[in-house]
Amino acid sequence: MKQVLFLCTGNYYRSRFAEHLFNWFATQKGLNWNADSKGLALERGVNNVGAISPYAKEAIAERGINTVTPQERYPQSLMEKDFQGANMVIALDESEHLPLMQERFPNHADSIIYWLVHDIDKTKPEVALKEIEKKVFGLIEDLVINI
C-alpha cells in the first residue's frame, strides 16, 4: 500500500481533515493508497483541545464520513522516520510550513508538495476545509488516472 503524508502545524485541524477525507475517497475509488498526518510544531497548538479540531470533525461528519471515532488518536509530531514510509508528502500551507521544514527537516524541505491553505487565523474554517476537499479530490483523481 502506498502512503501520502499530510503535514500541518499542529496535526489537529487541516492535516487531520485531509487524512480522513483522503482515506475515505481512496477507499471509495479502490485505490491502493492510505493517508496519515503529522504536525510540524505541535507546541504552537496551545488552543488545540482534544484529539481533533471540532471544525474538522464536524466537516467530516457533514460529508457523511463516519471515520472519526471516540478513540481518535491525538496529534502526532513529524519525525524523520515518517519520511521513509511516505510515497508522497504534502504540507498544507507553503507560507507557514516551508520555513518549518527548512528549520526542522532541511533535507526534505525541497522534496515535498506544498499547498496553500491557511490556518484558522487567516481563513475561515468553511473556506479552508472546502479548499482542502477540492485539493484532496483532485489528488485522488490524479492517482486514479495514474493507476
Protein backbone atom coordinates (compact mmCIF):
# COMPACT_ATOMS: atom_id res chain seq x y z
CA MET A 1 0.00 0.00 0.00
CA LYS A 2 1.31 3.44 -0.92
CA GLN A 3 1.12 6.30 1.54
CA VAL A 4 0.55 10.02 1.40
CA LEU A 5 1.55 12.03 4.46
CA PHE A 6 -0.25 15.30 5.15
CA LEU A 7 1.55 17.90 7.27
CA CYS A 8 0.31 20.96 9.09
CA THR A 9 1.47 22.81 12.15
CA GLY A 10 -0.46 21.13 14.96
CA ASN A 11 -1.83 17.94 13.34
CA TYR A 12 -5.19 18.93 14.76
CA TYR A 13 -7.22 20.62 12.04
CA ARG A 14 -6.12 20.83 8.39
CA SER A 15 -3.94 17.73 8.09
CA ARG A 16 -6.40 15.61 10.06
CA PHE A 17 -9.26 16.68 7.80
CA ALA A 18 -7.15 15.90 4.72
CA GLU A 19 -6.19 12.50 6.15
CA HIS A 20 -9.77 11.42 6.87
CA LEU A 21 -11.05 12.76 3.56
CA PHE A 22 -8.27 11.15 1.53
CA ASN A 23 -8.76 7.76 3.17
CA TRP A 24 -12.50 7.91 2.56
CA PHE A 25 -12.15 8.87 -1.12
CA ALA A 26 -9.30 6.39 -1.72
CA THR A 27 -11.46 3.57 -0.34
CA GLN A 28 -14.41 4.66 -2.49
CA LYS A 29 -12.20 4.68 -5.60
CA GLY A 30 -10.48 1.39 -4.75
CA LEU A 31 -7.04 2.99 -4.61
CA ASN A 32 -4.11 1.18 -3.03
CA TRP A 33 -3.22 4.37 -1.11
CA ASN A 34 -3.56 5.35 2.53
CA ALA A 35 -3.09 8.70 4.25
CA ASP A 36 -1.52 9.62 7.55
CA SER A 37 -0.87 13.04 9.03
CA LYS A 38 1.64 14.66 11.35
CA GLY A 39 2.42 18.06 12.81
CA LEU A 40 5.49 20.19 12.30
CA ALA A 41 5.18 22.23 15.51
CA LEU A 42 2.70 20.76 17.98
CA GLU A 43 3.99 23.14 20.63
CA ARG A 44 2.31 26.00 18.76
CA GLY A 45 -1.14 24.45 19.19
CA VAL A 46 -1.77 25.76 22.69
CA ASN A 47 -5.50 26.10 21.96
CA ASN A 48 -5.84 22.62 20.49
CA VAL A 49 -8.04 20.71 22.92
CA GLY A 50 -8.76 17.04 22.34
CA ALA A 51 -7.81 14.69 19.55
CA ILE A 52 -9.13 16.56 16.51
CA SER A 53 -10.47 20.02 15.77
CA PRO A 54 -14.23 20.39 16.18
CA TYR A 55 -14.25 22.13 12.77
CA ALA A 56 -12.59 19.15 11.10
CA LYS A 57 -14.75 16.65 12.98
CA GLU A 58 -17.95 18.47 12.02
CA ALA A 59 -16.93 18.87 8.37
CA ILE A 60 -16.08 15.18 8.13
CA ALA A 61 -19.47 14.22 9.58
CA GLU A 62 -21.31 16.70 7.31
CA ARG A 63 -19.88 14.82 4.33
CA GLY A 64 -21.33 11.55 5.58
CA ILE A 65 -17.94 10.18 6.55
CA ASN A 66 -18.01 8.27 9.83
CA THR A 67 -14.29 7.67 10.31
CA VAL A 68 -13.77 9.83 13.41
CA THR A 69 -14.20 7.57 16.43
CA PRO A 70 -14.28 8.18 20.20
CA GLN A 71 -10.81 6.56 20.26
CA GLU A 72 -9.44 9.10 17.74
CA ARG A 73 -5.70 9.46 18.13
CA TYR A 74 -4.19 12.68 19.41
CA PRO A 75 -1.94 14.90 17.28
CA GLN A 76 1.47 13.47 16.50
CA SER A 77 4.78 15.17 15.73
CA LEU A 78 6.55 14.59 12.45
CA MET A 79 9.72 12.53 12.83
CA GLU A 80 12.49 11.72 10.38
CA LYS A 81 11.30 8.11 10.10
CA ASP A 82 7.91 9.30 8.77
CA PHE A 83 9.53 10.32 5.50
CA GLN A 84 10.78 6.76 4.88
CA GLY A 85 7.29 5.28 4.68
CA ALA A 86 5.71 8.03 2.62
CA ASN A 87 5.42 7.91 -1.16
CA MET A 88 4.16 11.49 -1.19
CA VAL A 89 4.34 14.25 1.42
CA ILE A 90 2.06 17.30 1.27
CA ALA A 91 2.31 20.31 3.57
CA LEU A 92 -0.94 22.23 3.76
CA ASP A 93 0.37 25.83 3.73
CA GLU A 94 3.60 26.69 1.96
CA SER A 95 3.91 30.11 3.58
CA GLU A 96 3.68 28.57 7.05
CA HIS A 97 5.25 25.16 6.55
CA LEU A 98 8.20 25.73 4.22
CA PRO A 99 10.07 27.71 6.91
CA LEU A 100 9.31 24.98 9.47
CA MET A 101 10.52 22.31 7.06
CA GLN A 102 13.72 24.27 6.35
CA GLU A 103 14.33 24.64 10.08
CA ARG A 104 13.42 21.15 11.29
CA PHE A 105 13.77 18.85 8.26
CA PRO A 106 16.00 20.72 5.78
CA ASN A 107 16.88 17.55 3.83
CA HIS A 108 13.22 17.14 2.86
CA ALA A 109 12.09 20.77 2.51
CA ASP A 110 12.52 20.85 -1.27
CA SER A 111 11.17 17.38 -1.99
CA ILE A 112 7.62 17.70 -0.72
CA ILE A 113 4.48 19.22 -2.24
CA TYR A 114 3.15 22.46 -0.79
CA TRP A 115 -0.46 23.57 -0.96
CA LEU A 116 -1.66 26.98 0.18
CA VAL A 117 -4.46 26.54 2.70
CA HIS A 118 -4.10 28.95 5.59
CA ASP A 119 -4.87 28.19 9.20
CA ILE A 120 -7.87 29.45 11.12
CA ASP A 121 -6.19 32.76 11.99
CA LYS A 122 -6.19 33.75 8.28
CA THR A 123 -9.01 31.76 6.66
CA LYS A 124 -12.44 30.79 7.95
CA PRO A 125 -12.78 27.03 8.53
CA GLU A 126 -15.56 26.58 5.96
CA VAL A 127 -13.37 28.18 3.27
CA ALA A 128 -10.19 26.32 4.24
CA LEU A 129 -11.91 22.95 4.53
CA LYS A 130 -13.63 23.35 1.14
CA GLU A 131 -10.24 24.15 -0.40
CA ILE A 132 -8.67 21.09 1.22
CA GLU A 133 -11.57 18.98 -0.03
CA LYS A 134 -11.07 20.29 -3.57
CA LYS A 135 -7.34 19.59 -3.46
CA VAL A 136 -7.75 16.12 -1.94
CA PHE A 137 -10.35 15.21 -4.54
CA GLY A 138 -8.04 16.47 -7.30
CA LEU A 139 -5.20 14.37 -5.85
CA ILE A 140 -7.45 11.30 -5.76
CA GLU A 141 -8.47 11.87 -9.38
CA ASP A 142 -4.79 12.18 -10.41
CA LEU A 143 -3.99 8.92 -8.64
CA VAL A 144 -6.93 7.16 -10.30
CA ILE A 145 -5.70 8.29 -13.73
CA ASN A 146 -2.18 7.08 -12.98
CA ILE A 147 -3.13 3.58 -11.83
